[in-house]
Protein backbone atom coordinates (compact mmCIF):
# COMPACT_ATOMS: atom_id res chain seq x y z
CA MET A 1 -54.22 186.74 128.26
CA SER A 2 -56.63 184.14 129.51
CA GLU A 3 -56.25 180.60 128.16
CA ARG A 4 -60.00 180.48 127.67
CA PRO A 5 -60.77 181.47 124.04
CA ARG A 6 -62.53 184.79 123.68
CA ILE A 7 -64.94 185.64 120.86
CA LEU A 8 -66.54 189.03 120.23
CA VAL A 9 -69.65 189.59 118.10
CA ILE A 10 -70.42 193.19 117.19
CA ARG A 11 -74.04 193.81 116.22
CA GLY A 12 -75.85 197.13 116.08
CA GLY A 13 -79.24 197.68 114.51
CA ALA A 14 -82.77 197.39 115.85
CA ILE A 15 -84.38 194.58 117.86
CA GLY A 16 -85.37 192.52 114.83
CA ASP A 17 -81.92 192.92 113.27
CA PHE A 18 -80.36 191.47 116.39
CA ILE A 19 -82.83 188.60 116.71
CA VAL A 20 -82.32 187.42 113.12
CA THR A 21 -78.58 187.32 113.88
CA LEU A 22 -79.10 184.91 116.80
CA PRO A 23 -78.88 181.74 114.65
CA ALA A 24 -75.38 182.83 113.57
CA ILE A 25 -74.41 183.56 117.17
CA ARG A 26 -75.82 180.18 118.15
CA LEU A 27 -73.47 178.57 115.63
CA LEU A 28 -70.52 180.18 117.42
CA ARG A 29 -71.87 179.29 120.87
CA GLU A 30 -72.34 175.63 119.96
CA ALA A 31 -69.05 175.32 118.06
CA PHE A 32 -67.07 176.86 120.93
CA PRO A 33 -69.00 175.97 124.10
CA ASN A 34 -66.06 176.69 126.41
CA ALA A 35 -65.22 180.08 124.93
CA HIS A 36 -66.03 183.40 126.54
CA LEU A 37 -68.45 184.88 124.01
CA GLU A 38 -69.21 188.56 124.30
CA ILE A 39 -71.52 190.85 122.33
CA LEU A 40 -70.95 194.53 121.65
CA GLY A 41 -74.24 196.23 120.84
CA TYR A 42 -77.07 198.37 122.18
CA ARG A 43 -77.36 197.49 125.84
CA HIS A 44 -81.14 197.13 126.03
CA ILE A 45 -81.12 194.77 123.02
CA VAL A 46 -78.07 192.59 123.73
CA ALA A 47 -79.53 192.00 127.20
CA LEU A 48 -81.61 189.33 125.42
CA ALA A 49 -78.42 187.28 125.04
CA GLU A 50 -76.38 188.08 128.16
CA ASN A 51 -76.28 185.07 130.49
CA ARG A 52 -79.21 183.69 128.48
CA PHE A 53 -77.39 180.91 126.60
CA TYR A 54 -75.61 183.04 123.99
CA ALA A 55 -73.26 185.47 125.70
CA ASN A 56 -71.10 185.43 128.79
CA GLY A 57 -70.98 189.20 128.73
CA THR A 58 -72.01 192.29 126.79
CA ARG A 59 -70.72 195.79 126.28
CA CYS A 60 -72.54 198.92 125.15
CA ILE A 61 -71.72 200.14 121.65
CA GLU A 62 -72.73 203.67 122.64
CA TYR A 63 -69.37 204.36 124.28
CA GLY A 64 -67.90 207.69 123.17
CA PRO A 65 -64.23 206.70 122.82
CA LEU A 66 -65.23 203.91 120.41
CA SER A 67 -65.66 206.59 117.74
CA ALA A 68 -61.87 206.67 117.30
CA PHE A 69 -62.06 203.24 115.69
CA PHE A 70 -64.08 204.75 112.81
CA ALA A 71 -61.39 207.32 111.95
CA LYS A 72 -58.51 206.39 109.68
CA GLY A 73 -55.15 206.49 111.46
CA ALA A 74 -56.70 207.74 114.72
CA THR A 75 -55.00 207.46 118.07
CA LEU A 76 -56.83 204.56 119.68
CA PRO A 77 -57.83 204.65 123.36
CA GLU A 78 -55.65 202.33 125.45
CA ASP A 79 -58.60 200.74 127.22
CA LEU A 80 -60.18 199.76 123.91
CA ILE A 81 -56.88 198.49 122.52
CA ASP A 82 -56.74 196.19 125.54
CA TYR A 83 -60.40 195.28 125.12
CA PHE A 84 -60.33 194.33 121.44
CA GLY A 85 -56.89 192.81 121.76
CA SER A 86 -58.18 190.33 124.33
CA PHE A 87 -60.29 188.52 121.70
CA GLN A 88 -58.97 185.78 119.47
CA GLN A 89 -61.91 186.12 117.07
CA VAL A 90 -64.04 189.15 116.21
CA VAL A 91 -67.18 188.91 114.07
CA SER A 92 -68.48 192.35 113.11
CA TYR A 93 -71.79 193.31 111.51
CA LEU A 94 -71.01 197.01 111.47
CA PHE A 95 -71.29 198.99 108.26
CA ASP A 96 -67.64 199.42 107.31
CA PRO A 97 -67.35 199.92 103.53
CA ASP A 98 -63.78 201.26 103.66
CA GLN A 99 -62.62 198.75 106.29
CA ILE A 100 -61.52 201.55 108.59
CA PHE A 101 -63.05 199.93 111.66
CA GLU A 102 -61.58 196.55 110.74
CA ASP A 103 -58.11 198.03 110.20
CA ASN A 104 -58.22 199.76 113.58
CA VAL A 105 -59.38 196.61 115.36
CA ARG A 106 -56.52 194.74 113.73
CA ARG A 107 -54.18 197.50 114.95
CA ALA A 108 -55.42 196.65 118.44
CA GLY A 109 -54.02 193.15 118.00
CA VAL A 110 -56.94 191.15 116.62
CA LYS A 111 -55.69 188.63 114.07
CA HIS A 112 -58.93 186.84 113.22
CA PHE A 113 -61.61 189.23 112.00
CA LEU A 114 -64.76 188.34 110.07
CA HIS A 115 -66.93 191.03 108.55
CA GLY A 116 -70.58 190.40 107.82
CA SER A 117 -72.62 193.02 106.04
CA PRO A 118 -75.53 194.32 108.15
CA LYS A 119 -77.46 194.87 104.91
CA VAL A 120 -79.87 192.17 103.81
CA ASP A 121 -81.04 191.75 100.21
CA ASP A 122 -83.64 189.46 98.64
CA SER A 123 -81.25 186.62 97.81
CA ALA A 124 -82.14 184.48 100.85
CA HIS A 125 -83.69 184.66 104.28
CA ALA A 126 -82.04 187.21 106.59
CA THR A 127 -80.83 184.56 109.04
CA VAL A 128 -79.09 182.72 106.20
CA GLN A 129 -77.39 185.85 104.90
CA LEU A 130 -76.19 186.88 108.35
CA ALA A 131 -74.68 183.45 109.00
CA ARG A 132 -72.74 183.33 105.72
CA PRO A 133 -69.57 184.99 107.07
CA LEU A 134 -69.13 182.05 109.45
CA GLU A 135 -68.73 179.69 106.51
CA ARG A 136 -65.19 181.07 106.30
CA ILE A 137 -64.49 179.25 109.55
CA ALA A 138 -66.41 176.14 108.44
CA LEU A 139 -69.63 176.87 110.36
CA TYR A 140 -72.79 176.27 108.32
CA LEU A 141 -76.31 177.22 109.32
CA GLU A 142 -78.81 174.39 109.51
CA ASP A 143 -81.44 175.77 111.90
CA GLU A 144 -82.72 179.16 110.69
CA ALA A 145 -85.13 179.77 113.58
CA PRO A 146 -83.97 182.32 116.20
CA ARG A 147 -84.63 181.39 119.81
CA ILE A 148 -84.59 183.43 123.00
CA PHE A 149 -84.09 181.84 126.40
CA PRO A 150 -85.34 184.00 129.30
CA HIS A 151 -83.75 183.14 132.64
CA ALA A 152 -85.44 182.58 135.99
CA GLY A 153 -85.32 186.26 136.94
CA ASP A 154 -87.06 187.24 133.71
CA ASP A 155 -89.74 184.60 134.33
CA ALA A 156 -90.37 185.81 137.87
CA THR A 157 -90.81 189.43 136.76
CA ALA A 158 -93.01 188.36 133.86
CA ALA A 159 -95.20 186.29 136.17
CA ALA A 160 -95.95 189.44 138.16
CA LEU A 161 -97.21 191.13 134.97
CA LEU A 162 -99.75 188.35 134.51
CA GLU A 163 -100.92 188.15 138.12
CA LYS A 164 -104.15 190.11 137.60
CA HIS A 165 -105.71 187.32 135.52
CA ASP A 166 -105.24 183.60 136.10
CA GLY A 167 -106.76 182.52 132.78
CA PRO A 168 -105.20 182.54 129.31
CA TRP A 169 -103.46 185.63 127.94
CA TRP A 170 -103.17 186.73 124.32
CA ALA A 171 -100.90 189.56 123.15
CA ILE A 172 -101.09 192.13 120.37
CA HIS A 173 -98.43 194.54 119.18
CA PRO A 174 -100.25 197.06 116.95
CA GLY A 175 -97.13 199.02 115.99
CA SER A 176 -93.70 198.66 114.39
CA GLY A 177 -90.69 200.76 113.59
CA SER A 178 -92.32 202.10 110.42
CA GLU A 179 -95.79 203.41 109.64
CA ARG A 180 -95.61 201.72 106.22
CA LYS A 181 -95.55 198.32 107.92
CA ASN A 182 -98.59 199.01 110.13
CA TRP A 183 -102.12 197.71 109.67
CA PRO A 184 -104.61 200.58 110.22
CA ALA A 185 -105.13 201.30 113.91
CA GLU A 186 -108.91 201.08 113.56
CA ASN A 187 -108.50 197.50 112.36
CA TRP A 188 -106.53 196.57 115.46
CA LEU A 189 -109.25 198.12 117.60
CA ALA A 190 -111.92 196.14 115.77
CA LEU A 191 -109.86 192.96 116.10
CA ALA A 192 -109.45 193.47 119.84
CA ARG A 193 -113.22 193.96 120.28
CA GLU A 194 -113.93 190.79 118.29
CA ILE A 195 -111.45 188.76 120.33
CA LEU A 196 -112.84 189.96 123.65
CA ASP A 197 -116.37 189.14 122.51
CA ALA A 198 -115.46 185.73 121.06
CA ARG A 199 -113.29 184.61 123.97
CA PRO A 200 -114.76 185.81 127.31
CA ASN A 201 -112.02 184.03 129.27
CA ILE A 202 -109.15 185.77 127.46
CA HIS A 203 -107.12 188.64 128.91
CA LEU A 204 -105.50 190.78 126.21
CA ALA A 205 -102.05 192.34 126.56
CA LEU A 206 -101.32 195.37 124.36
CA VAL A 207 -97.58 195.58 123.82
CA GLY A 208 -95.60 198.64 122.80
CA GLY A 209 -92.73 201.03 123.25
CA GLU A 210 -91.98 204.68 122.61
CA ALA A 211 -92.92 204.48 118.91
CA ASP A 212 -96.31 202.94 119.70
CA ARG A 213 -97.63 205.44 122.23
CA ALA A 214 -100.12 207.07 119.85
CA VAL A 215 -101.87 203.85 118.84
CA LEU A 216 -101.85 202.56 122.42
CA ALA A 217 -103.38 205.85 123.57
CA ASP A 218 -106.19 205.23 121.06
CA PHE A 219 -106.80 201.84 122.65
CA GLU A 220 -106.96 203.36 126.12
CA ARG A 221 -109.39 206.05 124.96
CA LEU A 222 -111.59 204.05 122.60
CA LEU A 223 -111.55 200.60 124.15
CA PRO A 224 -111.42 200.79 127.95
CA HIS A 225 -111.87 197.23 129.11
CA ALA A 226 -111.21 195.27 132.29
CA ARG A 227 -109.63 192.47 130.25
CA ILE A 228 -107.00 194.65 128.58
CA THR A 229 -103.58 195.31 130.10
CA PHE A 230 -100.82 197.47 128.61
CA TRP A 231 -97.21 196.26 128.61
CA VAL A 232 -95.32 199.41 127.65
CA ASP A 233 -91.54 199.90 127.67
CA GLN A 234 -90.86 196.61 129.41
CA PRO A 235 -87.22 195.42 129.41
CA LEU A 236 -86.86 193.09 126.45
CA PRO A 237 -85.92 189.96 128.43
CA VAL A 238 -88.97 190.45 130.65
CA LEU A 239 -91.21 191.11 127.65
CA ALA A 240 -89.90 187.93 126.03
CA ALA A 241 -90.73 185.93 129.15
CA ALA A 242 -94.19 187.52 129.38
CA ILE A 243 -95.06 186.82 125.74
CA ALA A 244 -93.80 183.26 126.20
CA ARG A 245 -96.63 182.82 128.73
CA CYS A 246 -99.25 183.97 126.20
CA GLU A 247 -101.27 181.54 124.10
CA ARG A 248 -101.32 183.78 121.01
CA PHE A 249 -99.53 186.81 119.58
CA ALA A 250 -100.44 189.08 116.65
CA GLY A 251 -98.31 191.80 115.10
CA HIS A 252 -96.55 193.14 112.02
CA ASP A 253 -93.04 192.75 110.68
CA SER A 254 -91.46 194.17 113.83
CA GLY A 255 -88.81 193.43 116.41
CA VAL A 256 -91.47 192.50 118.95
CA SER A 257 -92.94 189.98 116.50
CA HIS A 258 -89.50 188.41 116.07
CA LEU A 259 -89.27 188.33 119.86
CA ALA A 260 -92.62 186.55 120.14
CA ALA A 261 -91.69 183.98 117.52
CA ALA A 262 -88.32 183.37 119.18
CA VAL A 263 -90.00 182.32 122.44
CA GLU A 264 -92.20 179.98 120.39
CA THR A 265 -95.53 181.65 121.06
CA PRO A 266 -97.96 180.95 118.18
CA CYS A 267 -97.93 184.10 116.02
CA VAL A 268 -100.13 185.66 113.36
CA LEU A 269 -97.98 188.24 111.57
CA LEU A 270 -99.11 190.77 108.96
CA PHE A 271 -96.68 191.63 106.17
CA GLY A 272 -97.07 194.46 103.68
CA PRO A 273 -94.10 196.18 102.03
CA THR A 274 -91.47 193.81 103.41
CA ASP A 275 -90.89 190.35 101.96
CA PRO A 276 -91.81 187.53 104.36
CA ASP A 277 -89.54 185.18 102.42
CA VAL A 278 -86.67 187.31 103.71
CA TRP A 279 -87.96 188.70 107.00
CA ALA A 280 -90.71 186.48 108.44
CA PRO A 281 -89.50 184.46 111.44
CA ARG A 282 -88.61 180.88 110.49
CA ASN A 283 -90.04 179.49 113.70
CA ASP A 284 -92.59 176.68 113.32
CA ARG A 285 -95.53 178.38 115.05
CA VAL A 286 -95.67 181.45 112.81
CA GLN A 287 -98.55 182.13 110.41
CA VAL A 288 -97.97 184.95 107.93
CA ILE A 289 -100.75 186.94 106.28
CA LYS A 290 -99.30 188.74 103.27
CA ALA A 291 -101.14 191.84 102.10
CA PRO A 292 -102.38 191.87 98.49
CA ASP A 293 -100.14 194.18 96.45
CA ALA A 294 -98.26 194.99 99.70
CA ASP A 295 -101.25 197.09 100.82
CA LEU A 296 -101.94 196.29 104.47
CA SER A 297 -105.31 198.03 104.39
CA ARG A 298 -106.54 195.21 102.13
CA ILE A 299 -106.17 192.63 104.91
CA THR A 300 -109.58 192.33 106.55
CA VAL A 301 -110.35 192.09 110.24
CA ASP A 302 -112.25 188.85 109.59
CA GLU A 303 -109.19 187.33 107.95
CA VAL A 304 -106.93 188.12 110.88
CA LEU A 305 -109.57 187.09 113.42
CA ALA A 306 -110.02 183.71 111.75
CA ALA A 307 -106.28 183.09 111.85
CA PHE A 308 -105.99 184.30 115.44
CA LEU A 309 -108.90 182.16 116.68
CA ASP A 310 -107.75 179.06 114.80
C-alpha cells in the first residue's frame, strides 16, 4: 500500500447534489493536501472535480460488479476488494439504511468509514448538512459557498464557444430537472426578447441538456436571432468555463444554476416549490427571486428583467 494517504468520497445524485457537496470535499482537500483524494460517482458529473483542485482521480459508479456491495453477505469482486481496501478513509453519501454497503466496504478492509445521508431536510442549508459527517473527524464547515475551478483545457474549449461574438455574453438556462421548478416557457421567451432589445451589444447563450430540448426548440422556432447561441449537452467542465466568461446568468433551482454560481458569475435565480434557505447557492453574487406562494407563474417578466439588468 502506498505511503501517501488515500481518501475516497462516494457521491451519486444529480449535478446540483454533487455541487452542494463540494464544500465538504473542500474541507477534506484542505485538511489533507498531500493525500490522494478520489471520487466515486457519475463520470460526467465528477469530471467537475477531477484534476480541478478537488480530486486526484475519479471512478464511475455505474460499474456493474459494484452491485455486489449492495447485497448482504455477497461474494465481493476481487478487483473492488483491492480498490476499496486501498483507502484509509471512505466518506459515503450513498443511501444505505441497513448499512449493507458499509459492512461490505469494511469487509474489503476499510477501517475508517463515514456515512453521510444523501437526503437533505429543512434544518439547515444543504451544504451544511452534507458537511456534518466530517465533524466526526474534527472538520467543521466555515465557507458554505461551492466553487468550481475549470482548468486550462476547459477554458480553451469554452473560448471557442464564445468566438462568434467579441462583446459581452449573458446566459439563460430555462429548464431544470423538474417541471414544477420551471418558470413558464413563454416568460423566458419574453425575457430574452426584452434583454436583446435593451442591450444591443449582448449575445445571449441558451443553455440546456436532454431534459431541456422542448423549451430550447421553442426558442429556436419562436425567437430566431443572430445574437442567440445554443449551448446544448456541453461537457460540464466546459460549460462551467463558458458560463464563467458570461457577465450574467439566469435560471431556476437547477444543477446548471449551481454550476453558474460556483464559477462566481452573477446569477438571478427563480425559486418556487423548493426552499432557497436550503437550496439556493451561498455564493455572494446570487440574487434569488422567490415566487409568491411557491407559484412561479406569479413572478413577472418585468421583475426578472429588472434584476437581470441591474
